[in-house]
Amino acid sequence: MSNPYEPDLGKPGDQPQQPAWGQGGPGPQGQPPQGQYGPSYPAYGGQQWGGSPYGAQQPTTTDGISITAFVLSLTCCLSFVGLILGFVGLGRTKDNRRKGRWAAVSAIVIGALGTLTAIGIIVVAVFVGTSAIVPGEAEVGECGNILSEDRDTVTMTSKDCGDRHDLEVAYVGTFDEIEDSQFVPSNPDDLTDAGISFGVCTDLMPAEDASTLDEADDDLRYGIVTEDTSPSGDEAFFCYVERSDGEKLEGSLLG
């Protein structure tokens, strides 16, 4: 007995139903269906997935102001300018925007040291210039200290006689007085000799002043200061006294 619900495949024209148009059949084993894709990979040399599309920002130029600041900070007179430009360069190289931050930092440090040194030199120069004892301006009874001394030059500064001091001016005159003196040496360099200085100064200065100094301290040594190493004519000079043992004087000897 036949099944009325089972299709009769034996009848002509009765074929199995074809799949609907567009429906793909099963592909080979292991192949994905059409329209699907496997894992993708970046092209050779392309940007990796997950990275920044722009990459890390890298400095491309060296900051010229920072380099200039570093060079100027090494000079004796422009270190202050280098210091200022160093701060400018520090801002320009912030956040790695430009290369040369090391130069800006170095300029600030070196420029600061150079500026302080220059200020110190200026202060000393002004002090010496305003308080120096020089021929033509020295006065008898003026007290002072010796800052530096060698065979040919000496630097003296004025000092209050009430304080301990190195020397006191004993006589002021012009070099032609020495030339007329019986103690004038044939070589002006010999004026630095203590014996010649004693003879010249005690011969020219008033007798009462020479006597006062002799009574005040029997351990005094005389010296002569001229305007230059080859004095002549009306160029100024002065005599001074100091202790031969290097001890300080106290009070004015001629005051």
C-alpha atoms as a PDB file:
ATOM      1  CA  MET A   1       0.000   0.000   0.000  1.00  0.00           C
ATOM      2  CA  SER A   2       1.493   3.311  -0.951  1.00  0.00           C
ATOM      3  CA  ASN A   3       1.962   6.285   1.368  1.00  0.00           C
ATOM      4  CA  PRO A   4      -0.160   9.120   0.099  1.00  0.00           C
ATOM      5  CA  TYR A   5       2.219  11.659   1.764  1.00  0.00           C
ATOM      6  CA  GLU A   6       5.471  10.330   0.398  1.00  0.00           C
ATOM      7  CA  PRO A   7       6.369  11.989  -2.873  1.00  0.00           C
ATOM      8  CA  ASP A   8       6.401   9.757  -5.851  1.00  0.00           C
ATOM      9  CA  LEU A   9       9.907  10.171  -7.239  1.00  0.00           C
ATOM     10  CA  GLY A  10       9.140   7.881 -10.048  1.00  0.00           C
ATOM     11  CA  LYS A  11       6.775  10.242 -11.756  1.00  0.00           C
ATOM     12  CA  PRO A  12       8.144  12.265 -14.580  1.00  0.00           C
ATOM     13  CA  GLY A  13       8.675  15.965 -13.766  1.00  0.00           C
ATOM     14  CA  ASP A  14       8.800  15.392 -10.072  1.00  0.00           C
ATOM     15  CA  GLN A  15      12.408  16.444  -9.091  1.00  0.00           C
ATOM     16  CA  PRO A  16      13.800  17.234  -5.678  1.00  0.00           C
ATOM     17  CA  GLN A  17      13.328  20.870  -4.775  1.00  0.00           C
ATOM     18  CA  GLN A  18      16.378  22.984  -5.673  1.00  0.00           C
ATOM     19  CA  PRO A  19      17.749  25.373  -3.147  1.00  0.00           C
ATOM     20  CA  ALA A  20      16.524  28.937  -3.405  1.00  0.00           C
ATOM     21  CA  TRP A  21      18.540  31.356  -5.545  1.00  0.00           C
ATOM     22  CA  GLY A  22      21.395  32.909  -3.610  1.00  0.00           C
ATOM     23  CA  GLN A  23      21.633  30.196  -1.019  1.00  0.00           C
ATOM     24  CA  GLY A  24      25.083  28.772  -1.162  1.00  0.00           C
ATOM     25  CA  GLY A  25      25.730  25.163  -0.722  1.00  0.00           C
ATOM     26  CA  PRO A  26      28.265  23.731   1.606  1.00  0.00           C
ATOM     27  CA  GLY A  27      31.812  24.426   0.460  1.00  0.00           C
ATOM     28  CA  PRO A  28      34.828  22.215   0.762  1.00  0.00           C
ATOM     29  CA  GLN A  29      35.651  20.965   4.218  1.00  0.00           C
ATOM     30  CA  GLY A  30      37.471  23.563   6.314  1.00  0.00           C
ATOM     31  CA  GLN A  31      36.657  26.539   4.034  1.00  0.00           C
ATOM     32  CA  PRO A  32      34.515  29.330   5.445  1.00  0.00           C
ATOM     33  CA  PRO A  33      31.307  30.189   3.703  1.00  0.00           C
ATOM     34  CA  GLN A  34      31.377  32.847   1.022  1.00  0.00           C
ATOM     35  CA  GLY A  35      31.041  36.406   2.368  1.00  0.00           C
ATOM     36  CA  GLN A  36      33.066  35.633   5.542  1.00  0.00           C
ATOM     37  CA  TYR A  37      36.687  36.625   6.136  1.00  0.00           C
ATOM     38  CA  GLY A  38      39.430  35.233   8.265  1.00  0.00           C
ATOM     39  CA  PRO A  39      41.655  37.241  10.622  1.00  0.00           C
ATOM     40  CA  SER A  40      43.209  40.273   8.930  1.00  0.00           C
ATOM     41  CA  TYR A  41      46.815  41.506   9.285  1.00  0.00           C
ATOM     42  CA  PRO A  42      48.316  44.937   8.682  1.00  0.00           C
ATOM     43  CA  ALA A  43      50.094  45.441   5.427  1.00  0.00           C
ATOM     44  CA  TYR A  44      53.863  45.222   5.412  1.00  0.00           C
ATOM     45  CA  GLY A  45      55.288  48.433   6.839  1.00  0.00           C
ATOM     46  CA  GLY A  46      51.861  49.706   7.926  1.00  0.00           C
ATOM     47  CA  GLN A  47      50.676  50.975  11.270  1.00  0.00           C
ATOM     48  CA  GLN A  48      50.238  48.234  13.872  1.00  0.00           C
ATOM     49  CA  TRP A  49      46.792  47.840  15.367  1.00  0.00           C
ATOM     50  CA  GLY A  50      46.335  49.580  18.717  1.00  0.00           C
ATOM     51  CA  GLY A  51      49.179  52.100  18.169  1.00  0.00           C
ATOM     52  CA  SER A  52      48.850  55.850  17.935  1.00  0.00           C
ATOM     53  CA  PRO A  53      48.103  56.950  14.373  1.00  0.00           C
ATOM     54  CA  TYR A  54      50.730  59.699  14.780  1.00  0.00           C
ATOM     55  CA  GLY A  55      53.365  57.901  16.864  1.00  0.00           C
ATOM     56  CA  ALA A  56      55.379  59.419  19.731  1.00  0.00           C
ATOM     57  CA  GLN A  57      56.300  63.068  19.205  1.00  0.00           C
ATOM     58  CA  GLN A  58      60.024  63.400  18.624  1.00  0.00           C
ATOM     59  CA  PRO A  59      62.074  66.626  18.603  1.00  0.00           C
ATOM     60  CA  THR A  60      63.397  67.329  15.153  1.00  0.00           C
ATOM     61  CA  THR A  61      65.400  70.549  15.592  1.00  0.00           C
ATOM     62  CA  THR A  62      67.988  71.872  18.042  1.00  0.00           C
ATOM     63  CA  ASP A  63      67.040  75.100  19.779  1.00  0.00           C
ATOM     64  CA  GLY A  64      69.406  77.825  18.605  1.00  0.00           C
ATOM     65  CA  ILE A  65      68.663  80.105  21.550  1.00  0.00           C
ATOM     66  CA  SER A  66      69.751  77.419  24.033  1.00  0.00           C
ATOM     67  CA  ILE A  67      73.017  76.883  22.169  1.00  0.00           C
ATOM     68  CA  THR A  68      73.625  80.636  21.991  1.00  0.00           C
ATOM     69  CA  ALA A  69      72.924  80.946  25.713  1.00  0.00           C
ATOM     70  CA  PHE A  70      75.475  78.229  26.475  1.00  0.00           C
ATOM     71  CA  VAL A  71      78.174  79.933  24.393  1.00  0.00           C
ATOM     72  CA  LEU A  72      77.539  83.369  25.914  1.00  0.00           C
ATOM     73  CA  SER A  73      77.578  81.969  29.447  1.00  0.00           C
ATOM     74  CA  LEU A  74      81.209  80.930  28.897  1.00  0.00           C
ATOM     75  CA  THR A  75      82.343  84.491  28.154  1.00  0.00           C
ATOM     76  CA  CYS A  76      83.599  86.852  30.827  1.00  0.00           C
ATOM     77  CA  CYS A  77      81.418  89.828  29.930  1.00  0.00           C
ATOM     78  CA  LEU A  78      78.217  88.301  28.526  1.00  0.00           C
ATOM     79  CA  SER A  79      77.502  85.580  31.082  1.00  0.00           C
ATOM     80  CA  PHE A  80      74.477  87.551  32.327  1.00  0.00           C
ATOM     81  CA  VAL A  81      73.007  87.571  28.803  1.00  0.00           C
ATOM     82  CA  GLY A  82      73.652  83.837  28.618  1.00  0.00           C
ATOM     83  CA  LEU A  83      71.815  83.409  31.925  1.00  0.00           C
ATOM     84  CA  ILE A  84      68.715  85.213  30.619  1.00  0.00           C
ATOM     85  CA  LEU A  85      68.713  83.333  27.326  1.00  0.00           C
ATOM     86  CA  GLY A  86      69.126  80.097  29.271  1.00  0.00           C
ATOM     87  CA  PHE A  87      65.740  80.631  30.913  1.00  0.00           C
ATOM     88  CA  VAL A  88      64.230  81.411  27.509  1.00  0.00           C
ATOM     89  CA  GLY A  89      65.729  78.241  26.072  1.00  0.00           C
ATOM     90  CA  LEU A  90      64.436  76.238  29.020  1.00  0.00           C
ATOM     91  CA  GLY A  91      60.887  77.146  28.048  1.00  0.00           C
ATOM     92  CA  ARG A  92      61.471  76.472  24.354  1.00  0.00           C
ATOM     93  CA  THR A  93      62.788  72.957  25.038  1.00  0.00           C
ATOM     94  CA  LYS A  94      60.016  72.061  27.483  1.00  0.00           C
ATOM     95  CA  ASP A  95      58.166  68.781  26.907  1.00  0.00           C
ATOM     96  CA  ASN A  96      60.820  67.661  24.436  1.00  0.00           C
ATOM     97  CA  ARG A  97      59.602  70.115  21.798  1.00  0.00           C
ATOM     98  CA  ARG A  98      63.161  70.929  20.735  1.00  0.00           C
ATOM     99  CA  LYS A  99      66.574  69.479  21.355  1.00  0.00           C
ATOM    100  CA  GLY A 100      69.189  71.350  23.393  1.00  0.00           C
ATOM    101  CA  ARG A 101      67.723  71.402  26.898  1.00  0.00           C
ATOM    102  CA  TRP A 102      71.150  70.462  28.274  1.00  0.00           C
ATOM    103  CA  ALA A 103      72.530  73.692  26.785  1.00  0.00           C
ATOM    104  CA  ALA A 104      69.803  75.799  28.413  1.00  0.00           C
ATOM    105  CA  VAL A 105      70.370  74.230  31.845  1.00  0.00           C
ATOM    106  CA  SER A 106      74.152  74.584  31.529  1.00  0.00           C
ATOM    107  CA  ALA A 107      73.782  78.222  30.472  1.00  0.00           C
ATOM    108  CA  ILE A 108      71.726  78.982  33.581  1.00  0.00           C
ATOM    109  CA  VAL A 109      74.254  77.396  35.947  1.00  0.00           C
ATOM    110  CA  ILE A 110      77.396  78.756  34.281  1.00  0.00           C
ATOM    111  CA  GLY A 111      75.804  82.135  33.605  1.00  0.00           C
ATOM    112  CA  ALA A 112      74.799  82.518  37.259  1.00  0.00           C
ATOM    113  CA  LEU A 113      78.328  81.713  38.452  1.00  0.00           C
ATOM    114  CA  GLY A 114      79.849  84.050  35.882  1.00  0.00           C
ATOM    115  CA  THR A 115      77.477  86.849  36.814  1.00  0.00           C
ATOM    116  CA  LEU A 116      78.260  86.527  40.524  1.00  0.00           C
ATOM    117  CA  THR A 117      81.988  86.500  39.769  1.00  0.00           C
ATOM    118  CA  ALA A 118      81.675  89.612  37.609  1.00  0.00           C
ATOM    119  CA  ILE A 119      79.726  91.399  40.340  1.00  0.00           C
ATOM    120  CA  GLY A 120      82.413  90.492  42.867  1.00  0.00           C
ATOM    121  CA  ILE A 121      85.175  91.810  40.613  1.00  0.00           C
ATOM    122  CA  ILE A 122      83.286  95.056  40.037  1.00  0.00           C
ATOM    123  CA  VAL A 123      82.736  95.549  43.773  1.00  0.00           C
ATOM    124  CA  VAL A 124      86.436  94.980  44.516  1.00  0.00           C
ATOM    125  CA  ALA A 125      87.484  97.282  41.674  1.00  0.00           C
ATOM    126  CA  VAL A 126      85.191 100.055  42.892  1.00  0.00           C
ATOM    127  CA  PHE A 127      86.419  99.634  46.470  1.00  0.00           C
ATOM    128  CA  VAL A 128      90.079  99.744  45.465  1.00  0.00           C
ATOM    129  CA  GLY A 129      89.496 102.626  43.064  1.00  0.00           C
ATOM    130  CA  THR A 130      87.762 104.789  45.653  1.00  0.00           C
ATOM    131  CA  SER A 131      90.002 103.974  48.613  1.00  0.00           C
ATOM    132  CA  ALA A 132      93.418 103.480  47.004  1.00  0.00           C
ATOM    133  CA  ILE A 133      96.358 105.520  48.265  1.00  0.00           C
ATOM    134  CA  VAL A 134      98.166 106.882  45.207  1.00  0.00           C
ATOM    135  CA  PRO A 135     100.943 109.451  44.713  1.00  0.00           C
ATOM    136  CA  GLY A 136      99.502 112.909  44.196  1.00  0.00           C
ATOM    137  CA  GLU A 137      96.514 112.215  46.452  1.00  0.00           C
ATOM    138  CA  ALA A 138      98.181 110.772  49.559  1.00  0.00           C
ATOM    139  CA  GLU A 139      98.372 112.893  52.699  1.00  0.00           C
ATOM    140  CA  VAL A 140     100.844 112.878  55.565  1.00  0.00           C
ATOM    141  CA  GLY A 141      99.400 110.973  58.523  1.00  0.00           C
ATOM    142  CA  GLU A 142      97.054 108.907  56.298  1.00  0.00           C
ATOM    143  CA  CYS A 143      96.878 105.264  57.352  1.00  0.00           C
ATOM    144  CA  GLY A 144      96.313 102.268  55.129  1.00  0.00           C
ATOM    145  CA  ASN A 145      96.727  98.580  54.357  1.00  0.00           C
ATOM    146  CA  ILE A 146      98.799  96.828  51.710  1.00  0.00           C
ATOM    147  CA  LEU A 147      96.589  94.652  49.501  1.00  0.00           C
ATOM    148  CA  SER A 148      99.319  93.351  47.205  1.00  0.00           C
ATOM    149  CA  GLU A 149     103.014  93.933  46.710  1.00  0.00           C
ATOM    150  CA  ASP A 150     105.802  92.695  44.466  1.00  0.00           C
ATOM    151  CA  ARG A 151     109.176  94.033  43.391  1.00  0.00           C
ATOM    152  CA  ASP A 152     107.823  96.781  41.138  1.00  0.00           C
ATOM    153  CA  THR A 153     104.257  97.537  42.242  1.00  0.00           C
ATOM    154  CA  VAL A 154     102.253  97.914  45.417  1.00  0.00           C
ATOM    155  CA  THR A 155      98.513  98.404  46.001  1.00  0.00           C
ATOM    156  CA  MET A 156      97.464 100.287  49.132  1.00  0.00           C
ATOM    157  CA  THR A 157      94.029 101.214  50.440  1.00  0.00           C
ATOM    158  CA  SER A 158      93.125 103.857  52.985  1.00  0.00           C
ATOM    159  CA  LYS A 159      92.271 102.713  56.496  1.00  0.00           C
ATOM    160  CA  ASP A 160      91.016 104.481  59.594  1.00  0.00           C
ATOM    161  CA  CYS A 161      93.981 105.119  61.859  1.00  0.00           C
ATOM    162  CA  GLY A 162      91.852 104.082  64.821  1.00  0.00           C
ATOM    163  CA  ASP A 163      91.863 100.535  63.446  1.00  0.00           C
ATOM    164  CA  ARG A 164      94.861  98.262  63.152  1.00  0.00           C
ATOM    165  CA  HIS A 165      96.664  99.042  59.902  1.00  0.00           C
ATOM    166  CA  ASP A 166      99.798  98.229  57.931  1.00  0.00           C
ATOM    167  CA  LEU A 167     101.299 101.646  57.186  1.00  0.00           C
ATOM    168  CA  GLU A 168     101.215 105.399  57.625  1.00  0.00           C
ATOM    169  CA  VAL A 169     102.171 108.050  55.070  1.00  0.00           C
ATOM    170  CA  ALA A 170     105.167 110.020  56.360  1.00  0.00           C
ATOM    171  CA  TYR A 171     106.020 112.424  53.525  1.00  0.00           C
ATOM    172  CA  VAL A 172     104.563 113.587  50.192  1.00  0.00           C
ATOM    173  CA  GLY A 173     106.591 115.301  47.480  1.00  0.00           C
ATOM    174  CA  THR A 174     107.764 115.286  43.863  1.00  0.00           C
ATOM    175  CA  PHE A 175     110.519 113.190  42.329  1.00  0.00           C
ATOM    176  CA  ASP A 176     112.751 116.149  41.555  1.00  0.00           C
ATOM    177  CA  GLU A 177     113.233 116.485  45.328  1.00  0.00           C
ATOM    178  CA  ILE A 178     114.733 112.997  45.348  1.00  0.00           C
ATOM    179  CA  GLU A 179     116.926 113.884  42.361  1.00  0.00           C
ATOM    180  CA  ASP A 180     118.294 116.846  44.317  1.00  0.00           C
ATOM    181  CA  SER A 181     118.856 114.703  47.415  1.00  0.00           C
ATOM    182  CA  GLN A 182     122.289 113.378  48.362  1.00  0.00           C
ATOM    183  CA  PHE A 183     120.700 109.931  48.659  1.00  0.00           C
ATOM    184  CA  VAL A 184     119.411 109.681  45.074  1.00  0.00           C
ATOM    185  CA  PRO A 185     120.352 106.279  43.617  1.00  0.00           C
ATOM    186  CA  SER A 186     121.769 105.880  40.104  1.00  0.00           C
ATOM    187  CA  ASN A 187     119.111 103.233  39.421  1.00  0.00           C
ATOM    188  CA  PRO A 188     115.515 104.219  40.349  1.00  0.00           C
ATOM    189  CA  ASP A 189     114.756 100.565  41.137  1.00  0.00           C
ATOM    190  CA  ASP A 190     117.048 100.902  44.159  1.00  0.00           C
ATOM    191  CA  LEU A 191     114.520 103.237  45.778  1.00  0.00           C
ATOM    192  CA  THR A 192     112.781 100.132  47.073  1.00  0.00           C
ATOM    193  CA  ASP A 193     115.850  99.327  49.149  1.00  0.00           C
ATOM    194  CA  ALA A 194     115.003  99.967  52.789  1.00  0.00           C
ATOM    195  CA  GLY A 195     118.301 101.721  53.491  1.00  0.00           C
ATOM    196  CA  ILE A 196     117.979 104.153  50.573  1.00  0.00           C
ATOM    197  CA  SER A 197     114.303 104.793  51.386  1.00  0.00           C
ATOM    198  CA  PHE A 198     115.232 105.625  54.974  1.00  0.00           C
ATOM    199  CA  GLY A 199     117.930 108.073  53.881  1.00  0.00           C
ATOM    200  CA  VAL A 200     115.764 109.792  51.252  1.00  0.00           C
ATOM    201  CA  CYS A 201     112.656 110.106  53.438  1.00  0.00           C
ATOM    202  CA  THR A 202     114.349 111.249  56.656  1.00  0.00           C
ATOM    203  CA  ASP A 203     116.412 113.769  54.671  1.00  0.00           C
ATOM    204  CA  LEU A 204     113.364 115.326  52.990  1.00  0.00           C
ATOM    205  CA  MET A 205     110.758 115.200  55.738  1.00  0.00           C
ATOM    206  CA  PRO A 206     110.660 117.763  58.556  1.00  0.00           C
ATOM    207  CA  ALA A 207     113.117 116.955  61.325  1.00  0.00           C
ATOM    208  CA  GLU A 208     110.388 116.951  63.979  1.00  0.00           C
ATOM    209  CA  ASP A 209     108.399 114.328  62.061  1.00  0.00           C
ATOM    210  CA  ALA A 210     111.458 112.125  61.685  1.00  0.00           C
ATOM    211  CA  SER A 211     112.127 112.475  65.410  1.00  0.00           C
ATOM    212  CA  THR A 212     108.496 111.684  66.269  1.00  0.00           C
ATOM    213  CA  LEU A 213     108.552 108.489  64.234  1.00  0.00           C
ATOM    214  CA  ASP A 214     111.869 107.444  65.722  1.00  0.00           C
ATOM    215  CA  GLU A 215     110.523 107.892  69.235  1.00  0.00           C
ATOM    216  CA  ALA A 216     107.135 106.307  68.499  1.00  0.00           C
ATOM    217  CA  ASP A 217     108.515 102.971  67.342  1.00  0.00           C
ATOM    218  CA  ASP A 218     112.126 101.903  66.921  1.00  0.00           C
ATOM    219  CA  ASP A 219     111.131  98.987  64.671  1.00  0.00           C
ATOM    220  CA  LEU A 220     109.877 101.043  61.723  1.00  0.00           C
ATOM    221  CA  ARG A 221     110.894 100.512  58.115  1.00  0.00           C
ATOM    222  CA  TYR A 222     110.614 103.159  55.382  1.00  0.00           C
ATOM    223  CA  GLY A 223     109.310 102.713  51.864  1.00  0.00           C
ATOM    224  CA  ILE A 224     108.787 104.901  48.784  1.00  0.00           C
ATOM    225  CA  VAL A 225     105.922 104.768  46.279  1.00  0.00           C
ATOM    226  CA  THR A 226     106.208 106.530  42.903  1.00  0.00           C
ATOM    227  CA  GLU A 227     103.699 106.988  40.089  1.00  0.00           C
ATOM    228  CA  ASP A 228     105.503 104.552  37.778  1.00  0.00           C
ATOM    229  CA  THR A 229     108.660 102.453  37.582  1.00  0.00           C
ATOM    230  CA  SER A 230     110.649 105.192  35.809  1.00  0.00           C
ATOM    231  CA  PRO A 231     109.759 108.418  37.659  1.00  0.00           C
ATOM    232  CA  SER A 232     111.178 111.799  36.770  1.00  0.00           C
ATOM    233  CA  GLY A 233     110.734 115.536  37.244  1.00  0.00           C
ATOM    234  CA  ASP A 234     107.553 116.707  38.920  1.00  0.00           C
ATOM    235  CA  GLU A 235     105.909 113.287  39.230  1.00  0.00           C
ATOM    236  CA  ALA A 236     104.528 112.708  42.712  1.00  0.00           C
ATOM    237  CA  PHE A 237     105.794 110.218  45.276  1.00  0.00           C
ATOM    238  CA  PHE A 238     105.276 109.557  48.969  1.00  0.00           C
ATOM    239  CA  CYS A 239     107.161 107.941  51.834  1.00  0.00           C
ATOM    240  CA  TYR A 240     105.494 105.577  54.269  1.00  0.00           C
ATOM    241  CA  VAL A 241     106.475 103.656  57.369  1.00  0.00           C
ATOM    242  CA  GLU A 242     105.538 100.136  58.468  1.00  0.00           C
ATOM    243  CA  ARG A 243     106.779  97.727  61.087  1.00  0.00           C
ATOM    244  CA  SER A 244     109.701  95.596  59.913  1.00  0.00           C
ATOM    245  CA  ASP A 245     108.394  92.570  61.816  1.00  0.00           C
ATOM    246  CA  GLY A 246     105.101  92.602  59.883  1.00  0.00           C
ATOM    247  CA  GLU A 247     102.974  93.505  62.897  1.00  0.00           C
ATOM    248  CA  LYS A 248     100.114  95.982  62.601  1.00  0.00           C
ATOM    249  CA  LEU A 249     100.351  99.629  63.638  1.00  0.00           C
ATOM    250  CA  GLU A 250      97.853 101.040  66.103  1.00  0.00           C
ATOM    251  CA  GLY A 251      96.814 104.674  66.079  1.00  0.00           C
ATOM    252  CA  SER A 252      98.405 107.508  64.127  1.00  0.00           C
ATOM    253  CA  LEU A 253     102.125 108.064  64.677  1.00  0.00           C
ATOM    254  CA  LEU A 254     102.117 111.613  63.292  1.00  0.00           C
ATOM    255  CA  GLY A 255      98.518 112.510  64.180  1.00  0.00           C
END
